[in-house]
Amino acid sequence: MTGPLRKPTEDIHSATRKPMKTTHSTEEIRHFLQTSKGADPSSIKSLQEGHSNQALYFENRRGDKLVLRIALGEDDFLHDEYAHEKLHGRLPVPKVLEIGMFGGDSFYCISEYIDGVPSDTIKQAEIDSMQPKILNAYAAIFTIDISGSSGYGPIDLKTDNGEFGSWHEKLACELKRFDAESVRSHATNIGLDLTLTDKFIAQATGNLPFASERRRLVHGDLGFDNMLICNGEVAAFIDWAKISYGDWMEDFANFDFWWPGRHGDKQAFAKQYGLDAEHLEEREALYWAITALETIRFADTFKKQEISQWLHDYVASKLSHRTRSAERKEPAVAHSLVETA
C-alpha cells in the first residue's frame, strides 16, 4: 500500500523570501543564553530548525520553559507576536516574550515552549481519531471575526489591514513572479519536463477567476510541522509568517497537495462549518498550481535534490482536468517519500 505525498521539511515560502540561514555557533548561543537570559546550562538543547532560523530550548532560573530562535530578519518573529496578541484565547498560539538583536547582524526571539510534536510526524490512524478536534481548530481560524479590518493578502501589523484591494489582485500579483521563461529555466535546471510548467501556469491563470473574495483569516502554511499535537489535542499553531486575509481554500488545498486525504473531504468540511463552497475544485486546482510552481523554483534555487526527485515522481498528479486552457493529464499514483505504515 502506498503512503502520502510528504511536505518537504523546509518552509518553501519563507525560504524563497529569505535565502540564507544564520550560522552562529552553539557556544556563542549558549553563552548568550547563560549570561543574558539566565538559562540553566543543563537545560539547553537544540530543536528542529527551519530553513531560515536556528532554534534551541532552554529553561531559566524560574523554571520557565522557553524557545530561542535566531534569524537574519525579525519579520517572522513580529508576525508570530502579532498572531498571539490577536488570537490568544481563541486559538493556541505561543506567546512571544522578547525580540531583539543578536550578534550585531541577526535577530533573536524568545517565546514560550509548547509541549507537542509536529502533526506530520503522527500516523494517519491517530490523526483520524482526533480529526474532529483538528477540523474544529482549522475552522476556528477561518471563521474568526475580521470585520474590523479591510483588504486582502499580507497583513499590515500596524493597521490590521490587508495589502491588496481584492484577493484576485493579490493572486495576480503573485502569479507575475512565475513568468514562463524563468519557470522553464528552473525546470530545465532540475531536469523536469518543460510542458509541466506551461500547464501549471495555465492551470493557475485559468482558475484564477474562481478564487473566492469572501475574506477569511488564512495561516499561509497550515498544519504539518506548523501544528503541534500533544496527548490527542491540538497544542499550538506556530509559524505565522504568512498570515493574511483571503480564501480559506488556499490553506485547505495545501493539505491534499502534499498529503492526499490527510484531513478528509473539503466539501464536507465547508458544509459543516458554513464556509463558502462554490467552485472548490477550481480553487483547489489554482492553489495546487501556485504551490507546484513555487516548489519547482525552490528545488532549483536551493539545489534540493530530494525535492527535485519528488517533483519528477509526483507533481504531474497535481494537474487538473478543471483547467479550461490546460491539457488534461491523468494523475500519477501517489505515494510517499517516506513510507508511513
Protein backbone atom coordinates (compact mmCIF):
# COMPACT_ATOMS: atom_id res chain seq x y z
CA MET A 1 0.00 0.00 0.00
CA THR A 2 1.30 3.42 -0.83
CA GLY A 3 1.66 6.27 1.62
CA PRO A 4 1.06 10.04 1.37
CA LEU A 5 2.92 12.67 -0.54
CA ARG A 6 5.01 14.28 2.14
CA LYS A 7 5.50 18.01 2.50
CA PRO A 8 9.23 18.94 2.46
CA THR A 9 10.56 19.87 5.89
CA GLU A 10 11.76 23.21 4.56
CA ASP A 11 9.36 26.12 4.57
CA ILE A 12 9.28 26.71 0.83
CA HIS A 13 7.54 30.10 1.02
CA SER A 14 9.76 31.50 3.77
CA ALA A 15 12.87 30.16 2.12
CA THR A 16 12.18 31.96 -1.12
CA ARG A 17 11.88 35.20 0.82
CA LYS A 18 14.96 34.56 2.97
CA PRO A 19 17.66 32.67 1.09
CA MET A 20 20.12 32.44 3.98
CA LYS A 21 20.17 30.97 7.46
CA THR A 22 22.14 32.15 10.46
CA THR A 23 25.20 30.08 11.36
CA HIS A 24 26.00 31.17 14.91
CA SER A 25 27.98 28.60 16.85
CA THR A 26 26.42 26.59 19.65
CA GLU A 27 28.98 28.04 22.03
CA GLU A 28 28.02 31.62 21.10
CA ILE A 29 24.33 30.91 21.59
CA ARG A 30 24.84 29.08 24.89
CA HIS A 31 26.94 31.98 26.18
CA PHE A 32 24.16 34.42 25.23
CA LEU A 33 21.51 32.36 26.99
CA GLN A 34 23.53 31.84 30.15
CA THR A 35 24.85 35.37 30.53
CA SER A 36 21.89 37.39 29.24
CA LYS A 37 18.81 35.25 29.84
CA GLY A 38 19.66 33.32 32.98
CA ALA A 39 19.46 29.95 31.25
CA ASP A 40 20.17 26.76 33.18
CA PRO A 41 23.15 25.35 31.21
CA SER A 42 21.96 21.77 31.60
CA SER A 43 18.57 22.61 30.05
CA ILE A 44 19.84 23.98 26.72
CA LYS A 45 19.23 21.69 23.77
CA SER A 46 18.79 22.02 20.03
CA LEU A 47 15.34 21.88 18.43
CA GLN A 48 14.23 21.10 14.89
CA GLU A 49 15.15 24.16 12.86
CA GLY A 50 13.50 25.88 9.95
CA HIS A 51 15.20 26.83 6.70
CA SER A 52 15.92 30.35 7.90
CA ASN A 53 16.42 30.12 11.68
CA GLN A 54 18.30 28.36 14.42
CA ALA A 55 16.30 27.13 17.42
CA LEU A 56 17.10 25.99 20.95
CA TYR A 57 15.10 25.04 24.02
CA PHE A 58 16.10 26.32 27.45
CA GLU A 59 14.81 26.89 30.95
CA ASN A 60 15.56 29.97 33.04
CA ARG A 61 16.19 30.17 36.78
CA ARG A 62 12.44 30.29 37.47
CA GLY A 63 11.95 27.07 35.58
CA ASP A 64 10.10 28.68 32.65
CA LYS A 65 10.28 26.54 29.53
CA LEU A 66 11.30 28.70 26.58
CA VAL A 67 12.38 28.64 22.95
CA LEU A 68 15.10 30.80 21.41
CA ARG A 69 15.11 31.33 17.66
CA ILE A 70 17.72 33.28 15.71
CA ALA A 71 17.26 34.59 12.16
CA LEU A 72 18.65 37.22 9.82
CA GLY A 73 15.45 39.26 9.99
CA GLU A 74 12.76 39.99 12.56
CA ASP A 75 9.69 39.94 10.32
CA ASP A 76 8.69 36.35 11.03
CA PHE A 77 9.06 36.93 14.76
CA LEU A 78 6.90 40.05 14.60
CA HIS A 79 4.19 38.10 12.78
CA ASP A 80 4.25 35.42 15.49
CA GLU A 81 3.94 38.14 18.13
CA TYR A 82 1.03 39.68 16.24
CA ALA A 83 -0.73 36.32 15.88
CA HIS A 84 -0.58 35.68 19.62
CA GLU A 85 -1.78 39.17 20.51
CA LYS A 86 -4.74 38.90 18.14
CA LEU A 87 -5.69 35.26 18.51
CA HIS A 88 -4.85 34.06 22.02
CA GLY A 89 -7.90 32.94 23.90
CA ARG A 90 -9.42 31.71 20.64
CA LEU A 91 -6.51 29.73 19.22
CA PRO A 92 -3.45 28.13 20.86
CA VAL A 93 -0.61 30.38 19.68
CA PRO A 94 2.67 30.54 21.64
CA LYS A 95 3.36 33.85 23.36
CA VAL A 96 6.35 35.84 22.14
CA LEU A 97 8.16 37.28 25.15
CA GLU A 98 11.07 39.15 23.65
CA ILE A 99 12.56 40.16 20.28
CA GLY A 100 15.97 41.75 19.93
CA MET A 101 19.33 41.93 18.16
CA PHE A 102 21.79 39.05 18.29
CA GLY A 103 25.45 39.25 17.43
CA GLY A 104 25.17 42.56 15.60
CA ASP A 105 23.71 41.15 12.38
CA SER A 106 20.88 38.84 13.44
CA PHE A 107 17.69 38.89 15.48
CA TYR A 108 16.51 36.65 18.28
CA CYS A 109 13.08 35.78 19.55
CA ILE A 110 12.19 34.18 22.88
CA SER A 111 8.78 32.57 23.14
CA GLU A 112 7.03 30.16 25.45
CA TYR A 113 7.67 26.48 24.80
CA ILE A 114 4.60 24.41 23.99
CA ASP A 115 4.92 20.69 24.57
CA GLY A 116 3.93 18.72 21.50
CA VAL A 117 5.09 17.07 18.29
CA PRO A 118 4.59 18.28 14.71
CA SER A 119 1.43 16.81 13.23
CA ASP A 120 3.26 15.49 10.18
CA THR A 121 5.12 13.02 12.41
CA ILE A 122 1.87 11.38 13.54
CA LYS A 123 0.45 8.33 11.79
CA GLN A 124 -2.83 8.61 9.94
CA ALA A 125 -4.72 6.39 12.39
CA GLU A 126 -4.03 8.79 15.25
CA ILE A 127 -4.90 11.80 13.10
CA ASP A 128 -8.19 10.12 12.18
CA SER A 129 -9.01 9.54 15.85
CA MET A 130 -8.68 13.24 16.63
CA GLN A 131 -9.86 14.59 13.28
CA PRO A 132 -12.92 16.40 14.73
CA LYS A 133 -10.67 18.37 17.08
CA ILE A 134 -8.27 19.25 14.28
CA LEU A 135 -11.04 20.37 11.92
CA ASN A 136 -12.62 22.43 14.70
CA ALA A 137 -9.28 24.17 15.19
CA TYR A 138 -8.91 24.85 11.46
CA ALA A 139 -12.45 26.18 11.29
CA ALA A 140 -11.74 28.47 14.24
CA ILE A 141 -9.06 30.16 12.13
CA PHE A 142 -11.26 30.54 9.07
CA THR A 143 -14.30 31.81 10.97
CA ILE A 144 -12.66 34.37 13.26
CA ASP A 145 -14.38 37.75 13.04
CA ILE A 146 -12.18 40.04 10.92
CA SER A 147 -14.86 42.64 10.20
CA GLY A 148 -12.83 45.31 11.99
CA SER A 149 -10.20 45.18 9.25
CA SER A 150 -10.14 45.56 5.48
CA GLY A 151 -8.16 44.38 2.48
CA TYR A 152 -6.66 41.12 1.31
CA GLY A 153 -3.28 39.44 1.38
CA PRO A 154 -0.41 40.08 3.82
CA ILE A 155 -1.50 41.95 6.93
CA ASP A 156 0.00 45.29 7.87
CA LEU A 157 0.81 44.63 11.52
CA LYS A 158 0.25 48.28 12.45
CA THR A 159 -3.14 48.80 10.80
CA ASP A 160 -4.55 45.23 10.80
CA ASN A 161 -5.47 45.71 7.14
CA GLY A 162 -4.54 43.67 4.08
CA GLU A 163 -2.16 44.96 1.44
CA PHE A 164 -4.46 44.48 -1.57
CA GLY A 165 -7.91 45.68 -2.55
CA SER A 166 -9.06 42.21 -3.60
CA TRP A 167 -7.95 38.58 -3.35
CA HIS A 168 -7.76 38.36 -7.13
CA GLU A 169 -5.41 41.33 -7.16
CA LYS A 170 -3.18 39.61 -4.61
CA LEU A 171 -3.08 36.35 -6.56
CA ALA A 172 -2.48 38.13 -9.88
CA CYS A 173 0.49 39.90 -8.31
CA GLU A 174 1.80 36.56 -7.04
CA LEU A 175 1.43 34.92 -10.44
CA LYS A 176 3.51 37.66 -12.09
CA ARG A 177 6.53 36.08 -10.41
CA PHE A 178 6.02 32.94 -12.48
CA ASP A 179 6.74 34.14 -15.99
CA ALA A 180 7.14 31.26 -18.41
CA GLU A 181 10.82 31.91 -19.16
CA SER A 182 12.02 31.89 -15.55
CA VAL A 183 9.92 28.88 -14.54
CA ARG A 184 11.10 26.95 -17.60
CA SER A 185 14.69 27.80 -16.65
CA HIS A 186 14.19 26.37 -13.15
CA ALA A 187 12.55 23.26 -14.60
CA THR A 188 15.41 22.78 -17.06
CA ASN A 189 17.96 23.01 -14.26
CA ILE A 190 16.31 20.16 -12.35
CA GLY A 191 15.58 18.09 -15.45
CA LEU A 192 11.80 18.45 -15.24
CA ASP A 193 9.52 18.13 -18.26
CA LEU A 194 9.06 21.69 -19.53
CA THR A 195 5.48 21.07 -20.62
CA LEU A 196 4.56 20.71 -16.94
CA THR A 197 5.50 24.32 -16.19
CA ASP A 198 3.36 25.59 -19.07
CA LYS A 199 0.42 23.51 -17.87
CA PHE A 200 0.73 24.72 -14.28
CA ILE A 201 0.88 28.34 -15.40
CA ALA A 202 -2.25 27.72 -17.49
CA GLN A 203 -3.89 25.92 -14.57
CA ALA A 204 -3.25 28.87 -12.28
CA THR A 205 -4.38 31.59 -14.69
CA GLY A 206 -7.32 29.54 -15.94
CA ASN A 207 -8.71 29.00 -12.45
CA LEU A 208 -7.89 32.44 -11.05
CA PRO A 209 -11.43 33.76 -11.75
CA PHE A 210 -12.87 31.16 -9.37
CA ALA A 211 -10.95 32.31 -6.28
CA SER A 212 -13.30 33.38 -3.51
CA GLU A 213 -13.46 37.03 -2.49
CA ARG A 214 -15.02 36.12 0.87
CA ARG A 215 -12.45 37.39 3.37
CA ARG A 216 -11.18 34.84 5.86
CA LEU A 217 -8.15 34.69 8.10
CA VAL A 218 -5.53 32.48 6.43
CA HIS A 219 -2.47 30.99 8.14
CA GLY A 220 -0.49 30.55 4.92
CA ASP A 221 1.18 27.21 5.74
CA LEU A 222 -1.33 25.48 7.96
CA GLY A 223 -0.92 22.06 9.54
CA PHE A 224 2.01 19.68 9.05
CA ASP A 225 5.05 20.89 11.04
CA ASN A 226 3.22 24.10 11.97
CA MET A 227 0.61 22.36 14.12
CA LEU A 228 1.73 20.75 17.36
CA ILE A 229 -0.14 17.80 18.86
CA CYS A 230 0.02 16.70 22.49
CA ASN A 231 -2.00 13.92 24.14
CA GLY A 232 -4.57 13.85 21.39
CA GLU A 233 -5.15 17.62 21.42
CA VAL A 234 -4.13 20.50 19.17
CA ALA A 235 -1.47 22.09 21.38
CA ALA A 236 -0.39 25.03 19.20
CA PHE A 237 -0.30 26.65 15.78
CA ILE A 238 3.14 28.08 15.03
CA ASP A 239 4.97 29.99 12.27
CA TRP A 240 2.54 32.75 11.31
CA ALA A 241 4.92 34.45 8.85
CA LYS A 242 2.34 34.28 6.04
CA ILE A 243 -0.78 35.29 7.98
CA SER A 244 -3.16 37.07 5.64
CA TYR A 245 -6.76 37.70 4.64
CA GLY A 246 -8.09 35.70 1.73
CA ASP A 247 -9.61 32.43 0.54
CA TRP A 248 -9.64 29.66 3.18
CA MET A 249 -9.12 27.10 0.41
CA GLU A 250 -5.54 28.33 0.00
CA ASP A 251 -4.78 26.68 3.35
CA PHE A 252 -7.00 23.64 2.86
CA ALA A 253 -5.71 22.87 -0.65
CA ASN A 254 -2.21 22.64 0.80
CA PHE A 255 -3.19 19.52 2.76
CA ASP A 256 -4.13 17.44 -0.26
CA PHE A 257 -1.24 18.76 -2.35
CA TRP A 258 1.30 17.22 -0.01
CA TRP A 259 -0.74 14.55 1.76
CA PRO A 260 -3.91 13.43 -0.06
CA GLY A 261 -6.76 12.58 2.29
CA ARG A 262 -4.95 13.75 5.41
CA HIS A 263 -7.88 15.84 6.67
CA GLY A 264 -10.85 14.47 4.79
CA ASP A 265 -13.19 15.94 2.23
CA LYS A 266 -13.17 19.66 1.51
CA GLN A 267 -16.85 19.74 0.55
CA ALA A 268 -17.88 18.11 3.84
CA PHE A 269 -15.63 20.48 5.78
CA ALA A 270 -17.08 23.55 4.08
CA LYS A 271 -20.64 22.37 4.67
CA GLN A 272 -20.04 21.50 8.34
CA TYR A 273 -18.59 24.91 9.19
CA GLY A 274 -20.62 27.12 6.87
CA LEU A 275 -17.72 28.15 4.65
CA ASP A 276 -18.06 29.42 1.09
CA ALA A 277 -18.09 26.25 -1.03
CA GLU A 278 -18.54 27.49 -4.59
CA HIS A 279 -16.06 26.17 -7.18
CA LEU A 280 -13.96 24.22 -4.66
CA GLU A 281 -12.39 22.03 -7.35
CA GLU A 282 -11.29 25.03 -9.39
CA ARG A 283 -9.98 26.83 -6.32
CA GLU A 284 -8.02 23.75 -5.30
CA ALA A 285 -6.53 23.48 -8.79
CA LEU A 286 -5.50 27.14 -8.61
CA TYR A 287 -3.63 26.77 -5.33
CA TRP A 288 -2.08 23.45 -6.34
CA ALA A 289 -0.65 25.12 -9.44
CA ILE A 290 0.83 28.00 -7.45
CA THR A 291 2.39 25.59 -4.95
CA ALA A 292 3.81 23.45 -7.76
CA LEU A 293 5.42 26.47 -9.43
CA GLU A 294 6.80 27.67 -6.09
CA THR A 295 8.27 24.24 -5.37
CA ILE A 296 9.93 24.00 -8.80
CA ARG A 297 11.64 27.32 -8.20
CA PHE A 298 12.62 26.35 -4.66
CA ALA A 299 14.12 22.99 -5.69
CA ASP A 300 16.37 24.68 -8.25
CA THR A 301 17.28 27.79 -6.27
CA PHE A 302 18.40 25.82 -3.21
CA LYS A 303 19.61 22.71 -5.07
CA LYS A 304 17.33 20.38 -3.13
CA GLN A 305 17.84 17.02 -4.80
CA GLU A 306 15.22 15.21 -2.73
CA ILE A 307 12.56 17.75 -3.62
CA SER A 308 13.61 17.69 -7.28
CA GLN A 309 13.09 13.93 -7.26
CA TRP A 310 9.69 14.40 -5.58
CA LEU A 311 8.70 16.74 -8.38
CA HIS A 312 9.79 14.20 -11.00
CA ASP A 313 7.77 11.48 -9.30
CA TYR A 314 4.59 13.25 -8.21
CA VAL A 315 3.98 16.78 -9.39
CA ALA A 316 2.16 15.72 -12.58
CA SER A 317 -0.58 14.32 -10.35
CA LYS A 318 -1.44 17.91 -9.42
CA LEU A 319 -2.52 18.84 -12.92
CA SER A 320 -6.27 19.28 -13.00
CA HIS A 321 -8.90 18.48 -15.62
CA ARG A 322 -10.75 21.54 -14.27
CA THR A 323 -8.31 23.85 -16.06
CA ARG A 324 -10.04 25.25 -19.12
CA SER A 325 -6.86 26.06 -21.00
CA ALA A 326 -4.60 23.21 -19.88
CA GLU A 327 -4.49 19.74 -21.38
CA ARG A 328 -5.77 17.03 -19.04
CA LYS A 329 -3.19 14.59 -17.71
CA GLU A 330 -4.08 11.53 -15.69
CA PRO A 331 -2.67 11.76 -12.16
CA ALA A 332 0.22 9.58 -11.15
CA VAL A 333 -0.06 7.08 -8.33
CA ALA A 334 0.54 8.97 -5.11
CA HIS A 335 2.94 7.54 -2.59
CA SER A 336 5.31 8.87 -0.02
CA LEU A 337 8.95 9.80 0.02
CA VAL A 338 8.83 8.27 3.47
CA GLU A 339 6.58 5.23 3.88
CA THR A 340 4.23 5.58 6.86
CA ALA A 341 2.52 2.31 7.52
